[in-house]
Amino acid sequence: MSNYQVEPIDRPKALAPEAIKSLRRSQVKGVSRRQLLRYSLGLGVLLWFTETMIGTLAFVWPNLTGGFGSKVKIGTLDDIKLANSNLPIADGFPAYVPDARAYIILINTGQQQFVTGDDTTGDGRALNVRGLYQRCPHLGCKPNPCQKNFWFECPCHGSRYDRLGIKAAGAQYGPAARGMDRFSASVDGSGVLTLDTGKITLGPLPVAVGQPGIIPPRTPTGCI
């Protein structure tokens, strides 16, 4: 009796060596694991590169367009008064400039003009004007100037600052650990103020009300 067994031609149990070699030489259909790995790696690198480029452009774009993050021309004191005619800017009340995300404050109200010069520290006394970043140092909310007491008051957690951005010391004046941050500034020969919103100086430590270095509020109560 023979040991051979007949199998259907469409269901062979084994392939001859010649058939295996033929399959190896032919093009594999579909995507192999190696190709899938290469495609996945390439796609990951492309996504990383795209995100890096978008992030870089987002960081650099303001400096290219002259918006926040670069030098922003504010104008003269008269320009600021005219744009805020309903506010007592001449008395030292803060004026808000959206393009710079800053409050502009006349420091010495007895001198109704900005002084020509440069101030990289953000203090502004030499220029008779200070530019404060609109962001509360606590958690980033926007403090609002209160016309009743001439102080800044943060609506989120109650941090309070005098009109020049100095934080009042004490738990009753809110949780911020320092005063409002400041921008580098310059005033040209025509009295035009420019803020460099790409250069921020951190605000100073809090000062107790009644001590030198902080302007007392005009009223015992504020707006919040």
N, C-alpha and C. Protein backbone atom coordinates (compact mmCIF):
# COMPACT_ATOMS: atom_id res chain seq x y z
N MET A 1 0.86 -1.20 0.00
CA MET A 1 0.00 0.00 0.00
C MET A 1 0.89 1.24 0.00
N SER A 2 0.49 2.22 -0.72
CA SER A 2 1.27 3.45 -0.83
C SER A 2 1.03 4.36 0.37
N ASN A 3 2.10 5.14 0.73
CA ASN A 3 1.99 6.12 1.82
C ASN A 3 1.54 7.49 1.33
N TYR A 4 1.34 7.66 0.06
CA TYR A 4 0.92 8.96 -0.48
C TYR A 4 -0.55 9.22 -0.14
N GLN A 5 -0.86 10.48 0.09
CA GLN A 5 -2.23 10.89 0.36
C GLN A 5 -2.57 12.04 -0.56
N VAL A 6 -3.69 11.97 -1.18
CA VAL A 6 -4.10 13.02 -2.11
C VAL A 6 -4.75 14.17 -1.34
N GLU A 7 -4.30 15.41 -1.61
CA GLU A 7 -4.87 16.62 -0.99
C GLU A 7 -5.44 17.49 -2.08
N PRO A 8 -6.52 18.21 -1.78
CA PRO A 8 -7.05 19.16 -2.78
C PRO A 8 -5.99 20.18 -3.14
N ILE A 9 -5.99 20.61 -4.41
CA ILE A 9 -4.95 21.51 -4.90
C ILE A 9 -5.03 22.89 -4.25
N ASP A 10 -6.25 23.30 -3.78
CA ASP A 10 -6.39 24.62 -3.18
C ASP A 10 -6.10 24.63 -1.69
N ARG A 11 -5.80 23.45 -1.10
CA ARG A 11 -5.48 23.38 0.32
C ARG A 11 -4.25 22.50 0.57
N PRO A 12 -3.13 22.92 0.08
CA PRO A 12 -1.93 22.10 0.30
C PRO A 12 -1.44 22.22 1.74
N LYS A 13 -0.83 21.13 2.27
CA LYS A 13 -0.30 21.17 3.63
C LYS A 13 1.08 21.79 3.69
N ALA A 14 1.83 21.71 2.66
CA ALA A 14 3.19 22.23 2.68
C ALA A 14 3.55 22.75 1.31
N LEU A 15 4.55 23.62 1.29
CA LEU A 15 5.03 24.20 0.04
C LEU A 15 6.41 23.66 -0.26
N ALA A 16 6.64 23.41 -1.51
CA ALA A 16 7.96 22.96 -1.93
C ALA A 16 8.95 24.11 -1.79
N PRO A 17 10.26 23.83 -1.63
CA PRO A 17 11.27 24.90 -1.52
C PRO A 17 11.22 25.88 -2.67
N GLU A 18 10.94 25.38 -3.88
CA GLU A 18 10.88 26.27 -5.03
C GLU A 18 9.72 27.26 -4.90
N ALA A 19 8.59 26.81 -4.36
CA ALA A 19 7.43 27.69 -4.18
C ALA A 19 7.71 28.76 -3.14
N ILE A 20 8.40 28.37 -2.07
CA ILE A 20 8.75 29.34 -1.01
C ILE A 20 9.66 30.42 -1.57
N LYS A 21 10.68 30.04 -2.35
CA LYS A 21 11.58 31.02 -2.96
C LYS A 21 10.82 31.97 -3.87
N SER A 22 9.85 31.43 -4.61
CA SER A 22 9.06 32.26 -5.52
C SER A 22 8.27 33.30 -4.75
N LEU A 23 7.70 32.89 -3.61
CA LEU A 23 6.92 33.83 -2.80
C LEU A 23 7.81 34.92 -2.20
N ARG A 24 9.02 34.54 -1.82
CA ARG A 24 9.95 35.52 -1.24
C ARG A 24 10.35 36.59 -2.26
N ARG A 25 10.46 36.18 -3.52
CA ARG A 25 10.87 37.12 -4.57
C ARG A 25 9.72 38.01 -5.00
N SER A 26 8.49 37.60 -4.77
CA SER A 26 7.34 38.37 -5.23
C SER A 26 7.04 39.51 -4.25
N GLN A 27 6.29 40.52 -4.71
CA GLN A 27 5.91 41.68 -3.91
C GLN A 27 4.89 41.28 -2.86
N VAL A 28 5.16 41.62 -1.61
CA VAL A 28 4.24 41.31 -0.53
C VAL A 28 3.05 42.25 -0.60
N LYS A 29 1.85 41.72 -0.52
CA LYS A 29 0.66 42.54 -0.59
C LYS A 29 0.36 43.13 0.79
N GLY A 30 -0.21 44.39 0.81
CA GLY A 30 -0.53 45.05 2.07
C GLY A 30 0.70 45.73 2.68
N VAL A 31 0.61 46.09 3.97
CA VAL A 31 1.68 46.80 4.67
C VAL A 31 2.30 45.87 5.70
N SER A 32 3.61 45.72 5.61
CA SER A 32 4.30 44.87 6.57
C SER A 32 4.49 45.61 7.89
N ARG A 33 4.86 44.87 8.92
CA ARG A 33 5.10 45.50 10.22
C ARG A 33 6.25 46.50 10.16
N ARG A 34 7.26 46.19 9.39
CA ARG A 34 8.40 47.10 9.25
C ARG A 34 7.97 48.40 8.59
N GLN A 35 7.16 48.29 7.53
CA GLN A 35 6.69 49.50 6.85
C GLN A 35 5.78 50.32 7.77
N LEU A 36 4.91 49.64 8.52
CA LEU A 36 4.01 50.33 9.45
C LEU A 36 4.80 51.08 10.51
N LEU A 37 5.87 50.46 11.00
CA LEU A 37 6.72 51.12 11.98
C LEU A 37 7.38 52.36 11.40
N ARG A 38 7.86 52.22 10.15
CA ARG A 38 8.50 53.38 9.50
C ARG A 38 7.50 54.51 9.29
N TYR A 39 6.29 54.16 8.82
CA TYR A 39 5.27 55.18 8.59
C TYR A 39 4.89 55.88 9.90
N SER A 40 4.75 55.10 10.97
CA SER A 40 4.37 55.68 12.27
C SER A 40 5.46 56.61 12.78
N LEU A 41 6.72 56.19 12.65
CA LEU A 41 7.84 57.02 13.09
C LEU A 41 7.91 58.31 12.28
N GLY A 42 7.73 58.17 10.96
CA GLY A 42 7.77 59.36 10.11
C GLY A 42 6.65 60.33 10.43
N LEU A 43 5.45 59.80 10.69
CA LEU A 43 4.31 60.65 11.03
C LEU A 43 4.53 61.35 12.37
N GLY A 44 5.13 60.62 13.33
CA GLY A 44 5.41 61.23 14.63
C GLY A 44 6.41 62.38 14.51
N VAL A 45 7.45 62.18 13.72
CA VAL A 45 8.44 63.25 13.51
C VAL A 45 7.80 64.44 12.82
N LEU A 46 6.93 64.20 11.84
CA LEU A 46 6.25 65.28 11.13
C LEU A 46 5.36 66.08 12.07
N LEU A 47 4.61 65.38 12.94
CA LEU A 47 3.75 66.07 13.89
C LEU A 47 4.57 66.90 14.87
N TRP A 48 5.67 66.33 15.36
CA TRP A 48 6.55 67.08 16.28
C TRP A 48 7.09 68.33 15.62
N PHE A 49 7.54 68.20 14.38
CA PHE A 49 8.10 69.35 13.65
C PHE A 49 7.03 70.42 13.45
N THR A 50 5.80 69.99 13.10
CA THR A 50 4.71 70.94 12.87
C THR A 50 4.37 71.71 14.15
N GLU A 51 4.27 70.98 15.28
CA GLU A 51 3.96 71.64 16.55
C GLU A 51 5.07 72.60 16.96
N THR A 52 6.32 72.20 16.71
CA THR A 52 7.44 73.08 17.05
C THR A 52 7.39 74.36 16.23
N MET A 53 7.10 74.24 14.95
CA MET A 53 7.04 75.42 14.09
C MET A 53 5.89 76.33 14.48
N ILE A 54 4.74 75.74 14.81
CA ILE A 54 3.58 76.55 15.22
C ILE A 54 3.89 77.28 16.52
N GLY A 55 4.50 76.58 17.48
CA GLY A 55 4.86 77.22 18.74
C GLY A 55 5.87 78.34 18.55
N THR A 56 6.84 78.13 17.68
CA THR A 56 7.84 79.15 17.41
C THR A 56 7.21 80.38 16.77
N LEU A 57 6.33 80.15 15.81
CA LEU A 57 5.65 81.27 15.15
C LEU A 57 4.76 82.03 16.13
N ALA A 58 4.08 81.30 17.02
CA ALA A 58 3.22 81.95 18.01
C ALA A 58 4.03 82.82 18.95
N PHE A 59 5.26 82.38 19.25
CA PHE A 59 6.12 83.16 20.15
C PHE A 59 6.73 84.37 19.44
N VAL A 60 7.11 84.18 18.19
CA VAL A 60 7.81 85.24 17.46
C VAL A 60 6.84 86.22 16.81
N TRP A 61 5.64 85.78 16.47
CA TRP A 61 4.74 86.61 15.69
C TRP A 61 4.48 87.98 16.30
N PRO A 62 4.21 88.09 17.64
CA PRO A 62 3.98 89.43 18.19
C PRO A 62 5.16 90.36 17.97
N ASN A 63 6.38 89.84 18.02
CA ASN A 63 7.56 90.67 17.80
C ASN A 63 7.67 91.12 16.36
N LEU A 64 7.09 90.33 15.44
CA LEU A 64 7.13 90.70 14.03
C LEU A 64 6.05 91.71 13.68
N THR A 65 4.93 91.67 14.42
CA THR A 65 3.80 92.52 14.08
C THR A 65 3.71 93.77 14.94
N GLY A 66 4.53 93.89 15.99
CA GLY A 66 4.49 95.07 16.84
C GLY A 66 3.42 95.01 17.90
N GLY A 67 2.86 93.84 18.18
CA GLY A 67 1.85 93.68 19.21
C GLY A 67 2.46 93.36 20.56
N PHE A 68 1.62 92.80 21.44
CA PHE A 68 2.11 92.45 22.77
C PHE A 68 3.28 91.48 22.66
N GLY A 69 4.30 91.72 23.45
CA GLY A 69 5.53 90.94 23.37
C GLY A 69 6.63 91.70 22.66
N SER A 70 6.31 92.89 22.15
CA SER A 70 7.30 93.73 21.48
C SER A 70 7.13 95.16 21.99
N LYS A 71 7.73 96.11 21.32
CA LYS A 71 7.60 97.51 21.71
C LYS A 71 6.28 98.06 21.19
N VAL A 72 5.51 98.66 22.10
CA VAL A 72 4.19 99.20 21.76
C VAL A 72 4.21 100.71 22.04
N LYS A 73 3.94 101.49 21.00
CA LYS A 73 3.90 102.95 21.17
C LYS A 73 2.57 103.34 21.81
N ILE A 74 2.65 104.05 22.94
CA ILE A 74 1.47 104.41 23.70
C ILE A 74 0.97 105.81 23.33
N GLY A 75 1.89 106.77 23.22
CA GLY A 75 1.52 108.15 22.93
C GLY A 75 1.93 109.09 24.03
N THR A 76 1.56 110.33 23.91
CA THR A 76 1.88 111.34 24.92
C THR A 76 0.86 111.30 26.05
N LEU A 77 1.14 112.05 27.10
CA LEU A 77 0.19 112.15 28.20
C LEU A 77 -1.12 112.76 27.72
N ASP A 78 -1.04 113.75 26.86
CA ASP A 78 -2.26 114.36 26.32
C ASP A 78 -3.07 113.35 25.51
N ASP A 79 -2.38 112.47 24.75
CA ASP A 79 -3.09 111.43 24.00
C ASP A 79 -3.85 110.51 24.94
N ILE A 80 -3.22 110.16 26.05
CA ILE A 80 -3.85 109.25 27.01
C ILE A 80 -5.04 109.93 27.69
N LYS A 81 -4.87 111.20 28.03
CA LYS A 81 -5.99 111.93 28.65
C LYS A 81 -7.18 112.00 27.69
N LEU A 82 -6.89 112.27 26.41
CA LEU A 82 -7.96 112.40 25.43
C LEU A 82 -8.69 111.08 25.24
N ALA A 83 -7.95 109.98 25.22
CA ALA A 83 -8.56 108.66 25.03
C ALA A 83 -9.33 108.19 26.26
N ASN A 84 -9.07 108.83 27.41
CA ASN A 84 -9.75 108.46 28.65
C ASN A 84 -10.33 109.70 29.31
N SER A 85 -11.06 110.47 28.53
CA SER A 85 -11.56 111.76 28.99
C SER A 85 -12.53 111.64 30.16
N ASN A 86 -13.09 110.45 30.36
CA ASN A 86 -14.03 110.25 31.46
C ASN A 86 -13.36 109.83 32.75
N LEU A 87 -12.02 109.72 32.73
CA LEU A 87 -11.28 109.28 33.91
C LEU A 87 -10.30 110.36 34.37
N PRO A 88 -10.02 110.45 35.67
CA PRO A 88 -9.10 111.47 36.20
C PRO A 88 -7.62 111.09 36.01
N ILE A 89 -7.21 110.98 34.76
CA ILE A 89 -5.84 110.57 34.45
C ILE A 89 -4.83 111.57 35.01
N ALA A 90 -5.16 112.86 34.95
CA ALA A 90 -4.25 113.90 35.44
C ALA A 90 -4.00 113.77 36.95
N ASP A 91 -4.93 113.12 37.66
CA ASP A 91 -4.78 112.94 39.11
C ASP A 91 -4.03 111.65 39.46
N GLY A 92 -3.57 110.94 38.44
CA GLY A 92 -2.81 109.72 38.68
C GLY A 92 -3.62 108.45 38.58
N PHE A 93 -4.84 108.55 38.08
CA PHE A 93 -5.65 107.34 37.93
C PHE A 93 -5.13 106.52 36.75
N PRO A 94 -5.07 105.19 36.86
CA PRO A 94 -4.51 104.35 35.79
C PRO A 94 -5.36 104.38 34.52
N ALA A 95 -4.68 104.43 33.38
CA ALA A 95 -5.33 104.35 32.07
C ALA A 95 -4.98 103.00 31.45
N TYR A 96 -5.97 102.29 30.94
CA TYR A 96 -5.73 100.97 30.37
C TYR A 96 -5.48 101.06 28.87
N VAL A 97 -4.42 100.37 28.40
CA VAL A 97 -4.08 100.32 26.98
C VAL A 97 -4.14 98.85 26.54
N PRO A 98 -5.20 98.45 25.83
CA PRO A 98 -5.37 97.03 25.47
C PRO A 98 -4.23 96.47 24.62
N ASP A 99 -3.71 97.24 23.66
CA ASP A 99 -2.65 96.72 22.78
C ASP A 99 -1.41 96.30 23.57
N ALA A 100 -1.13 96.99 24.65
CA ALA A 100 0.04 96.68 25.47
C ALA A 100 -0.30 95.80 26.66
N ARG A 101 -1.60 95.53 26.86
CA ARG A 101 -2.06 94.80 28.04
C ARG A 101 -1.48 95.44 29.30
N ALA A 102 -1.58 96.74 29.35
CA ALA A 102 -0.90 97.49 30.42
C ALA A 102 -1.75 98.64 30.93
N TYR A 103 -1.48 99.00 32.17
CA TYR A 103 -2.02 100.22 32.76
C TYR A 103 -0.90 101.27 32.78
N ILE A 104 -1.25 102.48 32.37
CA ILE A 104 -0.30 103.59 32.34
C ILE A 104 -0.67 104.56 33.46
N ILE A 105 0.32 104.90 34.31
CA ILE A 105 0.03 105.77 35.45
C ILE A 105 1.03 106.92 35.51
N LEU A 106 0.52 108.12 35.62
CA LEU A 106 1.35 109.29 35.87
C LEU A 106 1.80 109.24 37.33
N ILE A 107 3.11 109.29 37.58
CA ILE A 107 3.60 109.10 38.95
C ILE A 107 3.47 110.39 39.75
N ASN A 108 4.11 111.46 39.31
CA ASN A 108 4.05 112.75 40.00
C ASN A 108 2.99 113.61 39.32
N THR A 109 1.84 113.73 39.94
CA THR A 109 0.74 114.47 39.32
C THR A 109 0.99 115.98 39.30
N GLY A 110 1.97 116.44 40.06
CA GLY A 110 2.30 117.86 40.02
C GLY A 110 3.07 118.23 38.77
N GLN A 111 3.54 117.24 38.04
CA GLN A 111 4.28 117.45 36.79
C GLN A 111 3.49 116.77 35.67
N GLN A 112 2.72 117.53 34.95
CA GLN A 112 1.79 116.99 33.96
C GLN A 112 2.48 116.74 32.61
N GLN A 113 3.51 115.89 32.64
CA GLN A 113 4.19 115.49 31.41
C GLN A 113 5.11 114.31 31.70
N PHE A 114 5.39 113.56 30.65
CA PHE A 114 6.38 112.50 30.75
C PHE A 114 7.76 113.10 30.52
N VAL A 115 8.77 112.48 31.12
CA VAL A 115 10.15 112.97 31.02
C VAL A 115 10.93 112.11 30.03
N THR A 116 11.67 112.75 29.16
CA THR A 116 12.45 112.04 28.13
C THR A 116 13.51 111.14 28.78
N GLY A 117 13.63 109.93 28.28
CA GLY A 117 14.65 109.01 28.78
C GLY A 117 14.24 107.57 28.60
N ASP A 118 15.08 106.68 29.15
CA ASP A 118 14.84 105.23 29.08
C ASP A 118 14.86 104.65 30.49
N ASP A 119 14.02 103.68 30.71
CA ASP A 119 13.97 103.01 32.01
C ASP A 119 13.76 101.52 31.79
N THR A 120 14.82 100.74 31.93
CA THR A 120 14.73 99.29 31.71
C THR A 120 14.25 98.56 32.96
N THR A 121 14.18 99.26 34.11
CA THR A 121 13.77 98.60 35.35
C THR A 121 12.26 98.54 35.50
N GLY A 122 11.55 99.41 34.78
CA GLY A 122 10.10 99.46 34.92
C GLY A 122 9.63 100.33 36.06
N ASP A 123 10.55 100.88 36.86
CA ASP A 123 10.15 101.73 37.98
C ASP A 123 9.44 102.99 37.50
N GLY A 124 10.01 103.64 36.49
CA GLY A 124 9.34 104.75 35.83
C GLY A 124 9.45 106.11 36.49
N ARG A 125 10.04 106.20 37.66
CA ARG A 125 10.09 107.49 38.34
C ARG A 125 10.92 108.51 37.55
N ALA A 126 11.96 108.06 36.89
CA ALA A 126 12.78 108.98 36.10
C ALA A 126 12.00 109.50 34.89
N LEU A 127 11.00 108.75 34.44
CA LEU A 127 10.20 109.16 33.28
C LEU A 127 8.87 109.79 33.69
N ASN A 128 8.57 109.73 34.98
CA ASN A 128 7.29 110.20 35.54
C ASN A 128 6.11 109.41 34.99
N VAL A 129 6.33 108.16 34.64
CA VAL A 129 5.24 107.30 34.17
C VAL A 129 5.63 105.85 34.40
N ARG A 130 4.66 105.05 34.77
CA ARG A 130 4.89 103.62 34.99
C ARG A 130 3.89 102.81 34.19
N GLY A 131 4.38 101.73 33.57
CA GLY A 131 3.52 100.81 32.83
C GLY A 131 3.42 99.49 33.58
N LEU A 132 2.23 99.12 34.01
CA LEU A 132 2.01 97.90 34.77
C LEU A 132 1.34 96.83 33.92
N TYR A 133 1.84 95.61 34.03
CA TYR A 133 1.22 94.47 33.35
C TYR A 133 -0.15 94.23 33.95
N GLN A 134 -1.14 93.95 33.11
CA GLN A 134 -2.52 93.79 33.56
C GLN A 134 -2.76 92.53 34.39
N ARG A 135 -1.78 91.66 34.49
CA ARG A 135 -1.97 90.35 35.11
C ARG A 135 -1.67 90.39 36.61
N CYS A 136 -2.61 89.88 37.41
CA CYS A 136 -2.38 89.77 38.85
C CYS A 136 -1.32 88.71 39.10
N PRO A 137 -0.29 89.00 39.92
CA PRO A 137 0.77 88.02 40.17
C PRO A 137 0.29 86.76 40.89
N HIS A 138 -0.91 86.79 41.45
CA HIS A 138 -1.38 85.62 42.18
C HIS A 138 -1.72 84.48 41.23
N LEU A 139 -2.81 84.62 40.47
CA LEU A 139 -3.21 83.56 39.54
C LEU A 139 -3.55 84.07 38.15
N GLY A 140 -3.17 85.32 37.86
CA GLY A 140 -3.30 85.80 36.49
C GLY A 140 -4.58 86.52 36.14
N CYS A 141 -5.45 86.79 37.10
CA CYS A 141 -6.66 87.57 36.80
C CYS A 141 -6.27 89.03 36.52
N LYS A 142 -7.23 89.81 36.08
CA LYS A 142 -6.98 91.20 35.72
C LYS A 142 -7.47 92.13 36.82
N PRO A 143 -6.58 92.75 37.60
CA PRO A 143 -7.02 93.72 38.60
C PRO A 143 -7.61 94.95 37.92
N ASN A 144 -8.62 95.53 38.54
CA ASN A 144 -9.27 96.71 37.99
C ASN A 144 -9.03 97.91 38.90
N PRO A 145 -8.74 99.07 38.33
CA PRO A 145 -8.58 100.26 39.17
C PRO A 145 -9.94 100.74 39.66
N CYS A 146 -10.02 101.07 40.93
CA CYS A 146 -11.25 101.53 41.53
C CYS A 146 -11.20 103.06 41.65
N GLN A 147 -12.12 103.73 41.00
CA GLN A 147 -12.10 105.19 40.99
C GLN A 147 -12.45 105.76 42.37
N LYS A 148 -13.07 104.95 43.19
CA LYS A 148 -13.46 105.39 44.53
C LYS A 148 -12.25 105.59 45.43
N ASN A 149 -11.31 104.65 45.39
CA ASN A 149 -10.15 104.74 46.29
C ASN A 149 -8.81 104.83 45.56
N PHE A 150 -8.83 104.81 44.20
CA PHE A 150 -7.60 104.89 43.39
C PHE A 150 -6.67 103.71 43.61
N TRP A 151 -7.21 102.56 43.98
CA TRP A 151 -6.43 101.35 44.14
C TRP A 151 -6.84 100.32 43.08
N PHE A 152 -5.92 99.38 42.81
CA PHE A 152 -6.25 98.22 41.99
C PHE A 152 -6.85 97.15 42.89
N GLU A 153 -7.91 96.49 42.41
CA GLU A 153 -8.55 95.42 43.16
C GLU A 153 -8.79 94.23 42.24
N CYS A 154 -8.24 93.09 42.62
CA CYS A 154 -8.41 91.89 41.80
C CYS A 154 -9.76 91.24 42.13
N PRO A 155 -10.62 91.06 41.12
CA PRO A 155 -11.95 90.51 41.38
C PRO A 155 -11.96 89.02 41.71
N CYS A 156 -10.86 88.32 41.45
CA CYS A 156 -10.84 86.87 41.65
C CYS A 156 -10.62 86.49 43.12
N HIS A 157 -9.57 87.04 43.73
CA HIS A 157 -9.24 86.64 45.10
C HIS A 157 -8.98 87.83 46.02
N GLY A 158 -9.28 89.04 45.54
CA GLY A 158 -9.26 90.20 46.42
C GLY A 158 -7.90 90.82 46.69
N SER A 159 -6.89 90.50 45.91
CA SER A 159 -5.59 91.16 46.12
C SER A 159 -5.71 92.64 45.78
N ARG A 160 -5.09 93.49 46.61
CA ARG A 160 -5.22 94.93 46.44
C ARG A 160 -3.84 95.58 46.32
N TYR A 161 -3.78 96.56 45.44
CA TYR A 161 -2.54 97.27 45.14
C TYR A 161 -2.84 98.77 45.09
N ASP A 162 -1.84 99.60 45.45
CA ASP A 162 -2.07 101.03 45.30
C ASP A 162 -2.05 101.40 43.82
N ARG A 163 -2.24 102.65 43.50
CA ARG A 163 -2.39 103.06 42.10
C ARG A 163 -1.11 102.85 41.28
N LEU A 164 0.03 102.66 41.95
CA LEU A 164 1.29 102.40 41.26
C LEU A 164 1.63 100.91 41.24
N GLY A 165 0.70 100.08 41.69
CA GLY A 165 0.89 98.64 41.61
C GLY A 165 1.60 98.01 42.79
N ILE A 166 1.76 98.74 43.91
CA ILE A 166 2.40 98.18 45.10
C ILE A 166 1.38 97.37 45.88
N LYS A 167 1.71 96.13 46.19
CA LYS A 167 0.80 95.24 46.94
C LYS A 167 0.76 95.65 48.40
N ALA A 168 -0.45 95.74 48.95
CA ALA A 168 -0.62 96.03 50.38
C ALA A 168 -0.39 94.75 51.17
N ALA A 169 0.44 94.83 52.21
CA ALA A 169 0.75 93.66 53.03
C ALA A 169 -0.41 93.36 53.97
N GLY A 170 -0.60 92.08 54.24
CA GLY A 170 -1.64 91.66 55.16
C GLY A 170 -2.66 90.77 54.49
N ALA A 171 -3.15 89.77 55.24
CA ALA A 171 -4.10 88.81 54.69
C ALA A 171 -5.39 89.48 54.22
N GLN A 172 -5.77 90.58 54.86
CA GLN A 172 -7.01 91.26 54.47
C GLN A 172 -6.91 91.92 53.11
N TYR A 173 -5.68 92.01 52.56
CA TYR A 173 -5.48 92.63 51.25
C TYR A 173 -5.22 91.61 50.15
N GLY A 174 -5.56 90.37 50.41
CA GLY A 174 -5.47 89.36 49.37
C GLY A 174 -4.18 88.55 49.39
N PRO A 175 -4.14 87.46 48.59
CA PRO A 175 -3.04 86.48 48.67
C PRO A 175 -1.83 86.74 47.79
N ALA A 176 -1.85 87.74 46.91
CA ALA A 176 -0.70 87.95 46.01
C ALA A 176 0.57 88.16 46.82
N ALA A 177 1.66 87.55 46.35
CA ALA A 177 2.92 87.59 47.10
C ALA A 177 3.81 88.77 46.74
N ARG A 178 3.42 89.54 45.71
CA ARG A 178 4.23 90.69 45.30
C ARG A 178 3.35 91.70 44.58
N GLY A 179 3.95 92.84 44.27
CA GLY A 179 3.23 93.85 43.53
C GLY A 179 3.07 93.49 42.07
N MET A 180 2.33 94.33 41.34
CA MET A 180 2.09 94.09 39.91
C MET A 180 3.40 94.27 39.13
N ASP A 181 3.57 93.43 38.12
CA ASP A 181 4.80 93.47 37.32
C ASP A 181 4.82 94.69 36.40
N ARG A 182 6.03 95.08 35.99
CA ARG A 182 6.22 96.34 35.27
C ARG A 182 6.93 96.13 33.94
N PHE A 183 6.68 97.04 33.02
CA PHE A 183 7.31 96.98 31.70
C PHE A 183 8.44 98.00 31.59
N SER A 184 9.46 97.61 30.83
CA SER A 184 10.49 98.56 30.44
C SER A 184 9.86 99.65 29.57
N ALA A 185 10.31 100.89 29.75
CA ALA A 185 9.67 102.02 29.06
C ALA A 185 10.69 103.02 28.56
N SER A 186 10.25 103.83 27.60
CA SER A 186 11.08 104.93 27.11
C SER A 186 10.17 106.06 26.65
N VAL A 187 10.69 107.29 26.76
CA VAL A 187 9.96 108.48 26.31
C VAL A 187 10.88 109.26 25.39
N ASP A 188 10.40 109.54 24.16
CA ASP A 188 11.26 110.27 23.21
C ASP A 188 11.16 111.78 23.43
N GLY A 189 11.86 112.54 22.60
CA GLY A 189 11.91 113.99 22.75
C GLY A 189 10.58 114.68 22.56
N SER A 190 9.62 114.00 21.96
CA SER A 190 8.28 114.59 21.76
C SER A 190 7.32 114.21 22.89
N GLY A 191 7.83 113.49 23.88
CA GLY A 191 6.98 113.08 24.99
C GLY A 191 6.16 111.84 24.72
N VAL A 192 6.51 111.10 23.67
CA VAL A 192 5.77 109.89 23.32
C VAL A 192 6.31 108.70 24.12
N LEU A 193 5.42 108.03 24.82
CA LEU A 193 5.78 106.88 25.64
C LEU A 193 5.71 105.60 24.81
N THR A 194 6.73 104.74 24.97
CA THR A 194 6.75 103.42 24.35
C THR A 194 7.05 102.39 25.43
N LEU A 195 6.25 101.34 25.49
CA LEU A 195 6.50 100.25 26.42
C LEU A 195 7.10 99.06 25.67
N ASP A 196 8.12 98.46 26.25
CA ASP A 196 8.67 97.23 25.71
C ASP A 196 8.02 96.08 26.46
N THR A 197 6.93 95.54 25.91
CA THR A 197 6.17 94.50 26.59
C THR A 197 6.87 93.14 26.54
N GLY A 198 8.04 93.09 25.92
CA GLY A 198 8.83 91.88 25.94
C GLY A 198 9.80 91.85 27.11
N LYS A 199 9.86 92.95 27.87
CA LYS A 199 10.77 93.04 29.02
C LYS A 199 9.95 93.39 30.26
N ILE A 200 9.76 92.39 31.12
CA ILE A 200 8.95 92.54 32.32
C ILE A 200 9.82 92.43 33.57
N THR A 201 9.63 93.36 34.49
CA THR A 201 10.30 93.32 35.79
C THR A 201 9.27 92.91 36.84
N LEU A 202 9.61 91.92 37.66
CA LEU A 202 8.68 91.46 38.69
C LEU A 202 8.41 92.57 39.70
N GLY A 203 7.18 92.62 40.18
CA GLY A 203 6.80 93.63 41.16
C GLY A 203 7.50 93.41 42.49
N PRO A 204 7.60 94.46 43.31
CA PRO A 204 8.30 94.36 44.61
C PRO A 204 7.46 93.65 45.66
N LEU A 205 8.07 93.37 46.79
CA LEU A 205 7.37 92.73 47.90
C LEU A 205 6.31 93.66 48.48
N PRO A 206 5.29 93.10 49.13
CA PRO A 206 4.22 93.92 49.70
C PRO A 206 4.75 94.90 50.76
N VAL A 207 4.02 95.99 50.93
CA VAL A 207 4.34 97.03 51.91
C VAL A 207 3.11 97.25 52.78
N ALA A 208 3.32 97.38 54.07
CA ALA A 208 2.21 97.60 54.99
C ALA A 208 1.60 98.98 54.78
N VAL A 209 0.28 99.05 54.81
CA VAL A 209 -0.41 100.32 54.65
C VAL A 209 0.00 101.25 55.80
N GLY A 210 0.34 102.47 55.46
CA GLY A 210 0.80 103.44 56.46
C GLY A 210 2.31 103.58 56.48
N GLN A 211 3.01 102.63 55.85
CA GLN A 211 4.47 102.69 55.77
C GLN A 211 4.88 103.40 54.48
N PRO A 212 6.10 103.98 54.46
CA PRO A 212 6.59 104.59 53.21
C PRO A 212 6.67 103.56 52.09
N GLY A 213 6.35 103.98 50.88
CA GLY A 213 6.44 103.07 49.74
C GLY A 213 5.11 102.61 49.21
N ILE A 214 4.02 102.93 49.90
CA ILE A 214 2.69 102.58 49.41
C ILE A 214 1.78 103.78 49.59
N ILE A 215 0.94 104.04 48.59
CA ILE A 215 0.02 105.18 48.64
C ILE A 215 -1.27 104.73 49.32
N PRO A 216 -1.67 105.36 50.42
CA PRO A 216 -2.90 104.94 51.10
C PRO A 216 -4.11 105.10 50.20
N PRO A 217 -5.13 104.27 50.39
CA PRO A 217 -6.36 104.41 49.62
C PRO A 217 -7.09 105.71 50.00
N ARG A 218 -7.80 106.28 49.04
CA ARG A 218 -8.51 107.52 49.30
C ARG A 218 -9.71 107.33 50.21
N THR A 219 -10.24 106.14 50.22
CA THR A 219 -11.39 105.83 51.07
C THR A 219 -11.13 104.50 51.79
N PRO A 220 -11.74 104.28 52.95
CA PRO A 220 -11.54 103.02 53.67
C PRO A 220 -12.11 101.81 52.95
N THR A 221 -13.12 102.04 52.11
CA THR A 221 -13.72 100.94 51.35
C THR A 221 -13.45 101.13 49.86
N GLY A 222 -13.51 100.04 49.13
CA GLY A 222 -13.22 100.10 47.70
C GLY A 222 -14.42 99.76 46.86
N CYS A 223 -14.14 99.11 45.72
CA CYS A 223 -15.20 98.76 44.76
C CYS A 223 -15.66 97.33 44.87
N ILE A 224 -14.89 96.48 45.58
CA ILE A 224 -15.32 95.08 45.74
C ILE A 224 -15.33 94.72 47.22
